[in-house]
Amino acid sequence: MGIKFRTINIELDSDNFIKFRKDSFRVSFGHEDDFNEQEYIDLIQKRTKELETENDKLNKILGDKDLEIAILRDLLKKNAHDPSGHRL
């Protein structure tokens, strides 16, 4: 068994993350009177979308770097010898 990370599913996970956030309010402030469930759900949705966008950008960068490395490796293989037949 290992740890698996997944994107928050608001409908499935909201009971848990709201429960934990309310608990943090009680511990921090002694009450949860100022906690607004809908505002917190909206914040989680916004942050989830931001993280997905950032993750997509990072995956593209990594893909570009992988392609660049593959091209450079291919060039190294092709240019392992100079035109006179000597190894570089």
PDB file of N, CA and C in Angstrom:
ATOM      1  N   MET A   1       0.845  -1.186   0.000  1.00  0.00           N
ATOM      2  CA  MET A   1       0.000   0.000   0.000  1.00  0.00           C
ATOM      3  C   MET A   1       0.885   1.242   0.000  1.00  0.00           C
ATOM      4  N   GLY A   2       0.580   2.179  -0.845  1.00  0.00           N
ATOM      5  CA  GLY A   2       1.352   3.404  -0.920  1.00  0.00           C
ATOM      6  C   GLY A   2       0.441   4.615  -0.846  1.00  0.00           C
ATOM      7  N   ILE A   3       1.052   5.750  -0.885  1.00  0.00           N
ATOM      8  CA  ILE A   3       0.293   7.002  -0.877  1.00  0.00           C
ATOM      9  C   ILE A   3      -0.085   7.331  -2.307  1.00  0.00           C
ATOM     10  N   LYS A   4      -1.324   7.710  -2.497  1.00  0.00           N
ATOM     11  CA  LYS A   4      -1.785   8.113  -3.819  1.00  0.00           C
ATOM     12  C   LYS A   4      -2.341   9.530  -3.716  1.00  0.00           C
ATOM     13  N   PHE A   5      -1.861  10.394  -4.570  1.00  0.00           N
ATOM     14  CA  PHE A   5      -2.336  11.767  -4.605  1.00  0.00           C
ATOM     15  C   PHE A   5      -3.341  11.902  -5.732  1.00  0.00           C
ATOM     16  N   ARG A   6      -4.398  12.634  -5.468  1.00  0.00           N
ATOM     17  CA  ARG A   6      -5.393  12.886  -6.488  1.00  0.00           C
ATOM     18  C   ARG A   6      -5.960  14.279  -6.290  1.00  0.00           C
ATOM     19  N   THR A   7      -6.565  14.795  -7.317  1.00  0.00           N
ATOM     20  CA  THR A   7      -7.194  16.107  -7.235  1.00  0.00           C
ATOM     21  C   THR A   7      -8.425  16.025  -6.347  1.00  0.00           C
ATOM     22  N   ILE A   8      -8.631  17.066  -5.589  1.00  0.00           N
ATOM     23  CA  ILE A   8      -9.812  17.128  -4.721  1.00  0.00           C
ATOM     24  C   ILE A   8     -11.066  17.081  -5.588  1.00  0.00           C
ATOM     25  N   ASN A   9     -12.006  16.263  -5.173  1.00  0.00           N
ATOM     26  CA  ASN A   9     -13.320  16.228  -5.788  1.00  0.00           C
ATOM     27  C   ASN A   9     -14.256  16.928  -4.802  1.00  0.00           C
ATOM     28  N   ILE A  10     -14.708  18.113  -5.167  1.00  0.00           N
ATOM     29  CA  ILE A  10     -15.492  18.944  -4.247  1.00  0.00           C
ATOM     30  C   ILE A  10     -16.700  18.187  -3.702  1.00  0.00           C
ATOM     31  N   GLU A  11     -17.426  17.510  -4.571  1.00  0.00           N
ATOM     32  CA  GLU A  11     -18.632  16.805  -4.122  1.00  0.00           C
ATOM     33  C   GLU A  11     -18.309  15.665  -3.161  1.00  0.00           C
ATOM     34  N   LEU A  12     -17.259  14.907  -3.461  1.00  0.00           N
ATOM     35  CA  LEU A  12     -16.913  13.755  -2.623  1.00  0.00           C
ATOM     36  C   LEU A  12     -16.138  14.132  -1.364  1.00  0.00           C
ATOM     37  N   ASP A  13     -15.319  15.167  -1.447  1.00  0.00           N
ATOM     38  CA  ASP A  13     -14.389  15.473  -0.367  1.00  0.00           C
ATOM     39  C   ASP A  13     -14.793  16.632   0.535  1.00  0.00           C
ATOM     40  N   SER A  14     -15.830  17.365   0.159  1.00  0.00           N
ATOM     41  CA  SER A  14     -16.154  18.582   0.908  1.00  0.00           C
ATOM     42  C   SER A  14     -16.491  18.311   2.375  1.00  0.00           C
ATOM     43  N   ASP A  15     -17.160  17.214   2.667  1.00  0.00           N
ATOM     44  CA  ASP A  15     -17.469  16.917   4.078  1.00  0.00           C
ATOM     45  C   ASP A  15     -16.194  16.839   4.909  1.00  0.00           C
ATOM     46  N   ASN A  16     -15.183  16.169   4.373  1.00  0.00           N
ATOM     47  CA  ASN A  16     -13.924  16.025   5.104  1.00  0.00           C
ATOM     48  C   ASN A  16     -13.172  17.341   5.233  1.00  0.00           C
ATOM     49  N   PHE A  17     -12.966  18.051   4.119  1.00  0.00           N
ATOM     50  CA  PHE A  17     -12.156  19.261   4.244  1.00  0.00           C
ATOM     51  C   PHE A  17     -12.869  20.367   5.008  1.00  0.00           C
ATOM     52  N   ILE A  18     -14.188  20.371   4.994  1.00  0.00           N
ATOM     53  CA  ILE A  18     -14.926  21.341   5.810  1.00  0.00           C
ATOM     54  C   ILE A  18     -14.802  20.973   7.290  1.00  0.00           C
ATOM     55  N   LYS A  19     -14.915  19.692   7.593  1.00  0.00           N
ATOM     56  CA  LYS A  19     -14.768  19.231   8.975  1.00  0.00           C
ATOM     57  C   LYS A  19     -13.389  19.620   9.528  1.00  0.00           C
ATOM     58  N   PHE A  20     -12.334  19.384   8.741  1.00  0.00           N
ATOM     59  CA  PHE A  20     -10.981  19.715   9.190  1.00  0.00           C
ATOM     60  C   PHE A  20     -10.790  21.225   9.332  1.00  0.00           C
ATOM     61  N   ARG A  21     -11.364  22.001   8.409  1.00  0.00           N
ATOM     62  CA  ARG A  21     -11.226  23.469   8.492  1.00  0.00           C
ATOM     63  C   ARG A  21     -11.975  24.009   9.709  1.00  0.00           C
ATOM     64  N   LYS A  22     -13.164  23.482   9.977  1.00  0.00           N
ATOM     65  CA  LYS A  22     -13.901  23.908  11.175  1.00  0.00           C
ATOM     66  C   LYS A  22     -13.101  23.587  12.425  1.00  0.00           C
ATOM     67  N   ASP A  23     -12.482  22.415  12.447  1.00  0.00           N
ATOM     68  CA  ASP A  23     -11.656  22.039  13.586  1.00  0.00           C
ATOM     69  C   ASP A  23     -10.499  23.016  13.760  1.00  0.00           C
ATOM     70  N   SER A  24      -9.879  23.429  12.654  1.00  0.00           N
ATOM     71  CA  SER A  24      -8.771  24.384  12.757  1.00  0.00           C
ATOM     72  C   SER A  24      -9.258  25.729  13.299  1.00  0.00           C
ATOM     73  N   PHE A  25     -10.480  26.116  12.959  1.00  0.00           N
ATOM     74  CA  PHE A  25     -11.054  27.348  13.514  1.00  0.00           C
ATOM     75  C   PHE A  25     -11.256  27.204  15.020  1.00  0.00           C
ATOM     76  N   ARG A  26     -11.811  26.066  15.456  1.00  0.00           N
ATOM     77  CA  ARG A  26     -12.034  25.848  16.892  1.00  0.00           C
ATOM     78  C   ARG A  26     -10.719  25.875  17.658  1.00  0.00           C
ATOM     79  N   VAL A  27      -9.706  25.237  17.102  1.00  0.00           N
ATOM     80  CA  VAL A  27      -8.405  25.185  17.775  1.00  0.00           C
ATOM     81  C   VAL A  27      -7.758  26.568  17.789  1.00  0.00           C
ATOM     82  N   SER A  28      -7.830  27.276  16.683  1.00  0.00           N
ATOM     83  CA  SER A  28      -7.169  28.577  16.575  1.00  0.00           C
ATOM     84  C   SER A  28      -7.912  29.696  17.298  1.00  0.00           C
ATOM     85  N   PHE A  29      -9.234  29.703  17.171  1.00  0.00           N
ATOM     86  CA  PHE A  29     -10.017  30.838  17.667  1.00  0.00           C
ATOM     87  C   PHE A  29     -10.953  30.481  18.823  1.00  0.00           C
ATOM     88  N   GLY A  30     -11.077  29.199  19.123  1.00  0.00           N
ATOM     89  CA  GLY A  30     -11.968  28.777  20.202  1.00  0.00           C
ATOM     90  C   GLY A  30     -13.420  28.618  19.762  1.00  0.00           C
ATOM     91  N   HIS A  31     -13.686  28.888  18.501  1.00  0.00           N
ATOM     92  CA  HIS A  31     -15.049  28.756  17.949  1.00  0.00           C
ATOM     93  C   HIS A  31     -14.961  28.689  16.435  1.00  0.00           C
ATOM     94  N   GLU A  32     -16.086  28.385  15.807  1.00  0.00           N
ATOM     95  CA  GLU A  32     -16.138  28.356  14.334  1.00  0.00           C
ATOM     96  C   GLU A  32     -17.183  29.322  13.800  1.00  0.00           C
ATOM     97  N   ASP A  33     -17.557  30.304  14.633  1.00  0.00           N
ATOM     98  CA  ASP A  33     -18.635  31.237  14.286  1.00  0.00           C
ATOM     99  C   ASP A  33     -18.385  31.988  12.974  1.00  0.00           C
ATOM    100  N   ASP A  34     -17.141  32.340  12.703  1.00  0.00           N
ATOM    101  CA  ASP A  34     -16.827  33.127  11.512  1.00  0.00           C
ATOM    102  C   ASP A  34     -16.584  32.277  10.268  1.00  0.00           C
ATOM    103  N   PHE A  35     -16.675  30.969  10.412  1.00  0.00           N
ATOM    104  CA  PHE A  35     -16.410  30.078   9.284  1.00  0.00           C
ATOM    105  C   PHE A  35     -17.602  30.069   8.336  1.00  0.00           C
ATOM    106  N   ASN A  36     -17.321  30.277   7.051  1.00  0.00           N
ATOM    107  CA  ASN A  36     -18.353  30.271   6.022  1.00  0.00           C
ATOM    108  C   ASN A  36     -18.056  29.108   5.074  1.00  0.00           C
ATOM    109  N   GLU A  37     -18.887  28.083   5.126  1.00  0.00           N
ATOM    110  CA  GLU A  37     -18.650  26.875   4.322  1.00  0.00           C
ATOM    111  C   GLU A  37     -18.568  27.180   2.835  1.00  0.00           C
ATOM    112  N   GLN A  38     -19.506  27.960   2.309  1.00  0.00           N
ATOM    113  CA  GLN A  38     -19.523  28.219   0.869  1.00  0.00           C
ATOM    114  C   GLN A  38     -18.308  29.008   0.421  1.00  0.00           C
ATOM    115  N   GLU A  39     -17.879  29.982   1.213  1.00  0.00           N
ATOM    116  CA  GLU A  39     -16.670  30.730   0.868  1.00  0.00           C
ATOM    117  C   GLU A  39     -15.459  29.798   0.826  1.00  0.00           C
ATOM    118  N   TYR A  40     -15.397  28.861   1.764  1.00  0.00           N
ATOM    119  CA  TYR A  40     -14.270  27.935   1.799  1.00  0.00           C
ATOM    120  C   TYR A  40     -14.306  26.969   0.609  1.00  0.00           C
ATOM    121  N   ILE A  41     -15.484  26.486   0.262  1.00  0.00           N
ATOM    122  CA  ILE A  41     -15.631  25.627  -0.920  1.00  0.00           C
ATOM    123  C   ILE A  41     -15.206  26.385  -2.171  1.00  0.00           C
ATOM    124  N   ASP A  42     -15.638  27.648  -2.287  1.00  0.00           N
ATOM    125  CA  ASP A  42     -15.250  28.468  -3.444  1.00  0.00           C
ATOM    126  C   ASP A  42     -13.734  28.653  -3.499  1.00  0.00           C
ATOM    127  N   LEU A  43     -13.110  28.873  -2.347  1.00  0.00           N
ATOM    128  CA  LEU A  43     -11.665  29.032  -2.289  1.00  0.00           C
ATOM    129  C   LEU A  43     -10.955  27.747  -2.724  1.00  0.00           C
ATOM    130  N   ILE A  44     -11.434  26.605  -2.243  1.00  0.00           N
ATOM    131  CA  ILE A  44     -10.840  25.324  -2.621  1.00  0.00           C
ATOM    132  C   ILE A  44     -10.987  25.090  -4.128  1.00  0.00           C
ATOM    133  N   GLN A  45     -12.154  25.405  -4.684  1.00  0.00           N
ATOM    134  CA  GLN A  45     -12.356  25.258  -6.134  1.00  0.00           C
ATOM    135  C   GLN A  45     -11.388  26.150  -6.908  1.00  0.00           C
ATOM    136  N   LYS A  46     -11.225  27.383  -6.473  1.00  0.00           N
ATOM    137  CA  LYS A  46     -10.330  28.329  -7.144  1.00  0.00           C
ATOM    138  C   LYS A  46      -8.894  27.831  -7.084  1.00  0.00           C
ATOM    139  N   ARG A  47      -8.455  27.422  -5.899  1.00  0.00           N
ATOM    140  CA  ARG A  47      -7.074  26.954  -5.748  1.00  0.00           C
ATOM    141  C   ARG A  47      -6.828  25.662  -6.525  1.00  0.00           C
ATOM    142  N   THR A  48      -7.821  24.794  -6.566  1.00  0.00           N
ATOM    143  CA  THR A  48      -7.685  23.544  -7.325  1.00  0.00           C
ATOM    144  C   THR A  48      -7.485  23.850  -8.807  1.00  0.00           C
ATOM    145  N   LYS A  49      -8.266  24.786  -9.346  1.00  0.00           N
ATOM    146  CA  LYS A  49      -8.113  25.167 -10.754  1.00  0.00           C
ATOM    147  C   LYS A  49      -6.743  25.795 -11.008  1.00  0.00           C
ATOM    148  N   GLU A  50      -6.279  26.634 -10.072  1.00  0.00           N
ATOM    149  CA  GLU A  50      -4.967  27.260 -10.214  1.00  0.00           C
ATOM    150  C   GLU A  50      -3.859  26.204 -10.220  1.00  0.00           C
ATOM    151  N   LEU A  51      -3.971  25.231  -9.326  1.00  0.00           N
ATOM    152  CA  LEU A  51      -2.967  24.169  -9.254  1.00  0.00           C
ATOM    153  C   LEU A  51      -2.981  23.295 -10.501  1.00  0.00           C
ATOM    154  N   GLU A  52      -4.162  23.022 -11.034  1.00  0.00           N
ATOM    155  CA  GLU A  52      -4.257  22.230 -12.264  1.00  0.00           C
ATOM    156  C   GLU A  52      -3.592  22.968 -13.425  1.00  0.00           C
ATOM    157  N   THR A  53      -3.820  24.274 -13.511  1.00  0.00           N
ATOM    158  CA  THR A  53      -3.203  25.083 -14.556  1.00  0.00           C
ATOM    159  C   THR A  53      -1.688  25.075 -14.413  1.00  0.00           C
ATOM    160  N   GLU A  54      -1.198  25.269 -13.187  1.00  0.00           N
ATOM    161  CA  GLU A  54       0.240  25.267 -12.936  1.00  0.00           C
ATOM    162  C   GLU A  54       0.845  23.898 -13.234  1.00  0.00           C
ATOM    163  N   ASN A  55       0.136  22.849 -12.846  1.00  0.00           N
ATOM    164  CA  ASN A  55       0.607  21.493 -13.111  1.00  0.00           C
ATOM    165  C   ASN A  55       0.712  21.235 -14.618  1.00  0.00           C
ATOM    166  N   ASP A  56      -0.273  21.699 -15.377  1.00  0.00           N
ATOM    167  CA  ASP A  56      -0.234  21.548 -16.836  1.00  0.00           C
ATOM    168  C   ASP A  56       0.983  22.262 -17.430  1.00  0.00           C
ATOM    169  N   LYS A  57       1.268  23.479 -16.925  1.00  0.00           N
ATOM    170  CA  LYS A  57       2.427  24.234 -17.407  1.00  0.00           C
ATOM    171  C   LYS A  57       3.722  23.490 -17.083  1.00  0.00           C
ATOM    172  N   LEU A  58       3.825  22.982 -15.867  1.00  0.00           N
ATOM    173  CA  LEU A  58       5.036  22.256 -15.466  1.00  0.00           C
ATOM    174  C   LEU A  58       5.215  20.974 -16.269  1.00  0.00           C
ATOM    175  N   ASN A  59       4.125  20.270 -16.539  1.00  0.00           N
ATOM    176  CA  ASN A  59       4.209  19.059 -17.362  1.00  0.00           C
ATOM    177  C   ASN A  59       4.687  19.379 -18.771  1.00  0.00           C
ATOM    178  N   LYS A  60       4.243  20.509 -19.309  1.00  0.00           N
ATOM    179  CA  LYS A  60       4.696  20.923 -20.637  1.00  0.00           C
ATOM    180  C   LYS A  60       6.183  21.234 -20.612  1.00  0.00           C
ATOM    181  N   ILE A  61       6.627  21.944 -19.586  1.00  0.00           N
ATOM    182  CA  ILE A  61       8.054  22.266 -19.462  1.00  0.00           C
ATOM    183  C   ILE A  61       8.874  20.984 -19.369  1.00  0.00           C
ATOM    184  N   LEU A  62       8.422  20.048 -18.542  1.00  0.00           N
ATOM    185  CA  LEU A  62       9.140  18.780 -18.414  1.00  0.00           C
ATOM    186  C   LEU A  62       9.156  18.014 -19.727  1.00  0.00           C
ATOM    187  N   GLY A  63       8.048  18.027 -20.430  1.00  0.00           N
ATOM    188  CA  GLY A  63       7.984  17.370 -21.733  1.00  0.00           C
ATOM    189  C   GLY A  63       8.944  18.006 -22.721  1.00  0.00           C
ATOM    190  N   ASP A  64       9.001  19.347 -22.711  1.00  0.00           N
ATOM    191  CA  ASP A  64       9.927  20.060 -23.589  1.00  0.00           C
ATOM    192  C   ASP A  64      11.373  19.715 -23.249  1.00  0.00           C
ATOM    193  N   LYS A  65      11.679  19.634 -21.953  1.00  0.00           N
ATOM    194  CA  LYS A  65      13.045  19.289 -21.525  1.00  0.00           C
ATOM    195  C   LYS A  65      13.382  17.855 -21.920  1.00  0.00           C
ATOM    196  N   ASP A  66      12.444  16.933 -21.760  1.00  0.00           N
ATOM    197  CA  ASP A  66      12.675  15.546 -22.179  1.00  0.00           C
ATOM    198  C   ASP A  66      12.966  15.473 -23.673  1.00  0.00           C
ATOM    199  N   LEU A  67      12.211  16.235 -24.464  1.00  0.00           N
ATOM    200  CA  LEU A  67      12.434  16.267 -25.911  1.00  0.00           C
ATOM    201  C   LEU A  67      13.811  16.852 -26.222  1.00  0.00           C
ATOM    202  N   GLU A  68      14.155  17.928 -25.540  1.00  0.00           N
ATOM    203  CA  GLU A  68      15.458  18.553 -25.750  1.00  0.00           C
ATOM    204  C   GLU A  68      16.597  17.582 -25.417  1.00  0.00           C
ATOM    205  N   ILE A  69      16.475  16.866 -24.333  1.00  0.00           N
ATOM    206  CA  ILE A  69      17.490  15.879 -23.937  1.00  0.00           C
ATOM    207  C   ILE A  69      17.587  14.768 -24.982  1.00  0.00           C
ATOM    208  N   ALA A  70      16.449  14.290 -25.462  1.00  0.00           N
ATOM    209  CA  ALA A  70      16.454  13.238 -26.483  1.00  0.00           C
ATOM    210  C   ALA A  70      17.140  13.717 -27.758  1.00  0.00           C
ATOM    211  N   ILE A  71      16.871  14.951 -28.165  1.00  0.00           N
ATOM    212  CA  ILE A  71      17.499  15.508 -29.368  1.00  0.00           C
ATOM    213  C   ILE A  71      19.011  15.623 -29.162  1.00  0.00           C
ATOM    214  N   LEU A  72      19.423  16.121 -28.000  1.00  0.00           N
ATOM    215  CA  LEU A  72      20.853  16.264 -27.721  1.00  0.00           C
ATOM    216  C   LEU A  72      21.552  14.908 -27.679  1.00  0.00           C
ATOM    217  N   ARG A  73      20.906  13.904 -27.112  1.00  0.00           N
ATOM    218  CA  ARG A  73      21.494  12.559 -27.095  1.00  0.00           C
ATOM    219  C   ARG A  73      21.643  12.013 -28.514  1.00  0.00           C
ATOM    220  N   ASP A  74      20.627  12.243 -29.326  1.00  0.00           N
ATOM    221  CA  ASP A  74      20.682  11.798 -30.723  1.00  0.00           C
ATOM    222  C   ASP A  74      21.818  12.496 -31.466  1.00  0.00           C
ATOM    223  N   LEU A  75      21.979  13.792 -31.241  1.00  0.00           N
ATOM    224  CA  LEU A  75      23.075  14.532 -31.870  1.00  0.00           C
ATOM    225  C   LEU A  75      24.427  14.009 -31.411  1.00  0.00           C
ATOM    226  N   LEU A  76      24.545  13.694 -30.135  1.00  0.00           N
ATOM    227  CA  LEU A  76      25.806  13.144 -29.625  1.00  0.00           C
ATOM    228  C   LEU A  76      26.137  11.817 -30.303  1.00  0.00           C
ATOM    229  N   LYS A  77      25.140  10.981 -30.490  1.00  0.00           N
ATOM    230  CA  LYS A  77      25.356   9.694 -31.160  1.00  0.00           C
ATOM    231  C   LYS A  77      25.799   9.908 -32.606  1.00  0.00           C
ATOM    232  N   LYS A  78      25.132  10.826 -33.307  1.00  0.00           N
ATOM    233  CA  LYS A  78      25.433  11.075 -34.716  1.00  0.00           C
ATOM    234  C   LYS A  78      26.791  11.740 -34.897  1.00  0.00           C
ATOM    235  N   ASN A  79      27.183  12.544 -33.927  1.00  0.00           N
ATOM    236  CA  ASN A  79      28.428  13.303 -34.044  1.00  0.00           C
ATOM    237  C   ASN A  79      29.551  12.707 -33.202  1.00  0.00           C
ATOM    238  N   ALA A  80      29.456  11.443 -32.899  1.00  0.00           N
ATOM    239  CA  ALA A  80      30.482  10.809 -32.074  1.00  0.00           C
ATOM    240  C   ALA A  80      31.822  10.760 -32.801  1.00  0.00           C
ATOM    241  N   HIS A  81      31.802  10.861 -34.097  1.00  0.00           N
ATOM    242  CA  HIS A  81      33.028  10.865 -34.891  1.00  0.00           C
ATOM    243  C   HIS A  81      33.056  12.111 -35.772  1.00  0.00           C
ATOM    244  N   ASP A  82      34.231  12.656 -35.963  1.00  0.00           N
ATOM    245  CA  ASP A  82      34.327  13.806 -36.872  1.00  0.00           C
ATOM    246  C   ASP A  82      34.432  13.267 -38.304  1.00  0.00           C
ATOM    247  N   PRO A  83      34.326  14.124 -39.318  1.00  0.00           N
ATOM    248  CA  PRO A  83      34.347  13.672 -40.717  1.00  0.00           C
ATOM    249  C   PRO A  83      35.599  12.872 -41.102  1.00  0.00           C
ATOM    250  N   SER A  84      36.713  13.085 -40.440  1.00  0.00           N
ATOM    251  CA  SER A  84      37.933  12.368 -40.801  1.00  0.00           C
ATOM    252  C   SER A  84      37.970  10.960 -40.203  1.00  0.00           C
ATOM    253  N   GLY A  85      36.936  10.595 -39.461  1.00  0.00           N
ATOM    254  CA  GLY A  85      36.852   9.262 -38.870  1.00  0.00           C
ATOM    255  C   GLY A  85      37.433   9.170 -37.471  1.00  0.00           C
ATOM    256  N   HIS A  86      37.916  10.275 -36.942  1.00  0.00           N
ATOM    257  CA  HIS A  86      38.448  10.283 -35.590  1.00  0.00           C
ATOM    258  C   HIS A  86      37.333  10.526 -34.575  1.00  0.00           C
ATOM    259  N   ARG A  87      37.454   9.849 -33.482  1.00  0.00           N
ATOM    260  CA  ARG A  87      36.458  10.049 -32.412  1.00  0.00           C
ATOM    261  C   ARG A  87      36.701  11.405 -31.769  1.00  0.00           C
ATOM    262  N   LEU A  88      35.639  12.143 -31.539  1.00  0.00           N
ATOM    263  CA  LEU A  88      35.743  13.466 -30.901  1.00  0.00           C
ATOM    264  C   LEU A  88      35.965  13.342 -29.428  1.00  0.00           C
TER     265      LEU A  88
END
